[in-house]
């Protein structure tokens, strides 16, 4: 296969790009919904909203997967093959991101009325950082910007992981100080893990994207 583009490849690339960016925007909507619910202290309906977005994510995943499989058999150029391979391998990551965001929304709606505000506030800085990571990843993908992809990784390694450890320590401290709040501490810990893993999957996509931008002819892992 040659470098450059093909008519079928250009059409498929445009379609896949638009759908992939929509998947990322859904993640941002899910995180914004969690942050907005916490700001307003109104959690009713959060799970239902997250479920609607999760269903759209699942439908987009299937559509993009079908488009990539069809493109693989259409005689793509080397650059187009690298792009479609990167997207195809990243679909599972974005699907898992949606799952983790849904889990956080479900836990927040179910347990917010029963927990002290400090427990919920621990999650807010992580949600803000993850939103920033999604925004930068969307830009990196749309513009093929390796520096923006690296910023996604840096935000996760330098800030999200530290906040995750902080939230876990806070949950353990509350558990030791108030043994009667065991369930709350465990739920807070689960929310922290879900948010941390969400960030890990965004990093996986950013790493593949960086490789695509810098070495488009190299097979992607």
Protein backbone atom coordinates (compact mmCIF):
# COMPACT_ATOMS: atom_id res chain seq x y z
CA UNK A 1 0.00 0.00 0.00
CA UNK A 2 1.15 3.50 -0.75
CA UNK A 3 1.22 6.54 1.47
CA UNK A 4 -1.21 9.41 0.98
CA UNK A 5 -4.96 8.94 0.62
CA UNK A 6 -7.53 7.09 -1.43
CA UNK A 7 -11.10 8.20 -2.26
CA UNK A 8 -12.63 5.43 -0.12
CA UNK A 9 -10.12 6.10 2.63
CA UNK A 10 -10.88 9.82 2.71
CA UNK A 11 -14.60 9.18 3.01
CA UNK A 12 -14.15 6.60 5.73
CA UNK A 13 -11.66 8.78 7.61
CA UNK A 14 -14.13 11.68 7.64
CA UNK A 15 -16.95 9.47 8.92
CA UNK A 16 -14.84 7.73 11.56
CA UNK A 17 -13.34 11.03 12.74
CA UNK A 18 -16.76 12.59 13.27
CA UNK A 19 -18.12 9.55 15.11
CA UNK A 20 -15.01 9.17 17.28
CA UNK A 21 -15.15 12.83 18.28
CA UNK A 22 -18.80 12.35 19.19
CA UNK A 23 -17.82 9.48 21.48
CA UNK A 24 -15.37 11.78 23.21
CA UNK A 25 -17.97 14.52 23.51
CA UNK A 26 -20.33 12.07 25.20
CA UNK A 27 -17.68 11.35 27.82
CA UNK A 28 -17.43 15.09 28.43
CA UNK A 29 -21.22 15.31 28.76
CA UNK A 30 -21.19 12.49 31.30
CA UNK A 31 -18.51 14.17 33.38
CA UNK A 32 -20.20 17.56 33.10
CA UNK A 33 -23.47 16.02 34.29
CA UNK A 34 -21.73 14.63 37.37
CA UNK A 35 -20.06 17.95 38.13
CA UNK A 36 -23.28 19.91 37.56
CA UNK A 37 -25.27 17.59 39.81
CA UNK A 38 -22.72 18.05 42.56
CA UNK A 39 -22.68 21.84 42.13
CA UNK A 40 -26.46 22.08 42.36
CA UNK A 41 -26.77 19.24 44.91
CA UNK A 42 -29.52 17.80 42.72
CA UNK A 43 -28.84 14.18 41.84
CA UNK A 44 -32.24 12.86 40.75
CA UNK A 45 -32.19 11.62 37.16
CA UNK A 46 -28.40 11.52 36.93
CA UNK A 47 -28.30 7.76 36.36
CA UNK A 48 -31.01 7.91 33.69
CA UNK A 49 -29.16 10.66 31.83
CA UNK A 50 -25.89 8.74 32.02
CA UNK A 51 -27.63 5.60 30.73
CA UNK A 52 -28.94 7.43 27.66
CA UNK A 53 -25.43 8.65 26.88
CA UNK A 54 -23.99 5.18 27.47
CA UNK A 55 -26.44 3.68 24.97
CA UNK A 56 -25.38 6.26 22.38
CA UNK A 57 -21.75 5.38 23.05
CA UNK A 58 -22.48 1.68 22.48
CA UNK A 59 -24.24 2.44 19.19
CA UNK A 60 -21.35 4.63 18.02
CA UNK A 61 -18.86 1.95 18.95
CA UNK A 62 -20.66 -0.56 16.73
CA UNK A 63 -20.95 1.95 13.87
CA UNK A 64 -17.26 2.86 13.99
CA UNK A 65 -16.22 -0.78 14.28
CA UNK A 66 -18.24 -1.66 11.16
CA UNK A 67 -16.81 1.33 9.28
CA UNK A 68 -13.24 0.35 10.16
CA UNK A 69 -13.75 -3.27 9.16
CA UNK A 70 -15.22 -2.18 5.85
CA UNK A 71 -12.35 0.25 5.30
CA UNK A 72 -9.74 -2.43 5.97
CA UNK A 73 -10.98 -4.29 2.90
CA UNK A 74 -11.11 -1.26 0.61
CA UNK A 75 -7.42 -0.80 -0.21
CA UNK A 76 -6.36 1.88 2.23
CA UNK A 77 -3.12 3.80 1.94
CA UNK A 78 -0.50 3.34 4.65
CA UNK A 79 -1.54 6.51 6.46
CA UNK A 80 -5.21 5.60 6.30
CA UNK A 81 -4.53 2.10 7.56
CA UNK A 82 -2.60 3.50 10.53
CA UNK A 83 -5.46 5.88 11.35
CA UNK A 84 -8.20 3.24 11.14
CA UNK A 85 -6.08 0.81 13.18
CA UNK A 86 -5.57 3.42 15.90
CA UNK A 87 -9.31 4.12 16.11
CA UNK A 88 -10.27 0.44 15.98
CA UNK A 89 -7.93 -0.42 18.85
CA UNK A 90 -9.18 2.55 20.87
CA UNK A 91 -12.89 1.73 20.71
CA UNK A 92 -12.75 -0.59 23.70
CA UNK A 93 -11.02 2.12 25.71
CA UNK A 94 -13.76 4.66 25.02
CA UNK A 95 -16.45 2.09 25.72
CA UNK A 96 -14.86 1.38 29.10
CA UNK A 97 -14.58 5.12 29.77
CA UNK A 98 -18.34 5.35 29.31
CA UNK A 99 -18.89 2.43 31.66
CA UNK A 100 -16.81 4.02 34.40
CA UNK A 101 -18.54 7.39 33.99
CA UNK A 102 -21.91 5.66 34.26
CA UNK A 103 -20.79 3.89 37.44
CA UNK A 104 -19.79 7.18 39.06
CA UNK A 105 -23.11 8.78 38.11
CA UNK A 106 -25.06 5.81 39.50
CA UNK A 107 -23.18 5.83 42.80
CA UNK A 108 -23.50 9.58 43.14
CA UNK A 109 -27.26 9.55 42.67
CA UNK A 110 -27.76 6.56 44.96
CA UNK A 111 -25.58 7.69 47.85
CA UNK A 112 -25.38 11.49 47.69
CA UNK A 113 -28.39 12.02 49.99
CA UNK A 114 -26.75 9.82 52.62
CA UNK A 115 -23.18 11.13 52.74
CA UNK A 116 -21.51 14.23 54.06
CA UNK A 117 -20.52 16.82 51.47
CA UNK A 118 -16.80 16.31 52.14
CA UNK A 119 -17.00 12.79 50.76
CA UNK A 120 -18.46 14.02 47.48
CA UNK A 121 -16.16 17.02 47.19
CA UNK A 122 -13.14 14.71 47.10
CA UNK A 123 -14.23 13.53 43.65
CA UNK A 124 -14.81 16.97 42.12
CA UNK A 125 -11.14 17.85 41.37
CA UNK A 126 -10.63 14.51 39.62
CA UNK A 127 -13.75 15.04 37.51
CA UNK A 128 -12.50 18.49 36.49
CA UNK A 129 -9.12 17.08 35.48
CA UNK A 130 -10.70 14.26 33.50
CA UNK A 131 -12.87 16.78 31.66
CA UNK A 132 -9.71 18.69 30.77
CA UNK A 133 -8.10 15.48 29.56
CA UNK A 134 -11.08 14.70 27.31
CA UNK A 135 -10.99 18.22 25.86
CA UNK A 136 -7.28 17.97 25.09
CA UNK A 137 -7.65 14.47 23.67
CA UNK A 138 -10.44 15.67 21.37
CA UNK A 139 -8.23 18.50 20.15
CA UNK A 140 -5.28 16.16 19.70
CA UNK A 141 -7.39 13.76 17.67
CA UNK A 142 -9.03 16.41 15.49
CA UNK A 143 -5.79 18.29 14.82
CA UNK A 144 -3.37 15.33 14.94
CA UNK A 145 -1.48 17.20 17.66
CA UNK A 146 1.12 15.09 19.47
CA UNK A 147 1.81 17.74 22.13
CA UNK A 148 -1.86 17.79 23.13
CA UNK A 149 -1.83 14.00 23.35
CA UNK A 150 1.21 14.19 25.63
CA UNK A 151 -0.61 16.73 27.80
CA UNK A 152 -3.35 14.14 28.37
CA UNK A 153 -0.73 11.70 29.64
CA UNK A 154 0.94 14.34 31.81
CA UNK A 155 -2.34 15.37 33.45
CA UNK A 156 -3.03 11.76 34.35
CA UNK A 157 0.46 10.89 35.62
CA UNK A 158 1.08 14.13 37.52
CA UNK A 159 -2.36 15.04 38.85
CA UNK A 160 -5.10 12.44 38.49
CA UNK A 161 -3.07 9.66 40.08
CA UNK A 162 -2.12 11.93 43.01
CA UNK A 163 -5.73 12.97 43.58
CA UNK A 164 -6.81 9.33 43.39
CA UNK A 165 -4.37 8.41 46.15
CA UNK A 166 -5.57 11.39 48.18
CA UNK A 167 -9.20 10.34 47.81
CA UNK A 168 -8.39 6.77 48.81
CA UNK A 169 -6.56 7.98 51.92
CA UNK A 170 -9.47 10.23 52.85
CA UNK A 171 -11.90 7.33 52.52
CA UNK A 172 -9.71 5.16 54.73
CA UNK A 173 -9.42 7.93 57.32
CA UNK A 174 -13.18 8.36 57.47
CA UNK A 175 -13.60 4.63 57.80
CA UNK A 176 -11.23 4.52 60.78
CA UNK A 177 -12.81 7.56 62.43
CA UNK A 178 -16.41 6.54 61.80
CA UNK A 179 -16.75 2.74 61.46
CA UNK A 180 -20.51 3.18 61.08
CA UNK A 181 -19.82 4.83 57.71
CA UNK A 182 -18.26 1.71 56.22
CA UNK A 183 -20.62 1.62 53.22
CA UNK A 184 -20.02 5.28 52.44
CA UNK A 185 -16.25 4.83 52.60
CA UNK A 186 -16.41 1.82 50.31
CA UNK A 187 -18.58 3.64 47.78
CA UNK A 188 -16.24 6.64 47.83
CA UNK A 189 -13.35 4.27 47.20
CA UNK A 190 -15.17 2.69 44.30
CA UNK A 191 -15.89 6.10 42.77
CA UNK A 192 -12.21 6.98 43.08
CA UNK A 193 -11.15 3.75 41.36
CA UNK A 194 -13.65 4.29 38.54
CA UNK A 195 -12.38 7.82 37.94
CA UNK A 196 -8.74 6.71 38.04
CA UNK A 197 -9.38 3.90 35.57
CA UNK A 198 -11.31 6.26 33.33
CA UNK A 199 -8.17 8.38 33.12
CA UNK A 200 -6.03 5.33 32.34
CA UNK A 201 -8.18 4.53 29.30
CA UNK A 202 -7.91 8.11 28.05
CA UNK A 203 -4.14 7.78 28.35
CA UNK A 204 -4.21 4.58 26.29
CA UNK A 205 -5.93 6.44 23.47
CA UNK A 206 -3.51 9.38 23.77
CA UNK A 207 -0.51 7.05 23.54
CA UNK A 208 -1.80 5.48 20.33
CA UNK A 209 -2.60 8.90 18.92
CA UNK A 210 0.90 10.17 19.64
CA UNK A 211 2.33 7.16 17.82
CA UNK A 212 0.01 7.79 14.88
CA UNK A 213 1.09 11.42 14.58
CA UNK A 214 4.83 10.81 14.97
CA UNK A 215 5.23 7.50 13.17
CA UNK A 216 2.13 6.90 11.01
CA UNK A 217 3.69 4.00 9.11
CA UNK A 218 4.57 1.98 12.21
CA UNK A 219 2.05 -0.71 13.23
CA UNK A 220 0.14 0.45 16.34
CA UNK A 221 0.03 -1.59 19.52
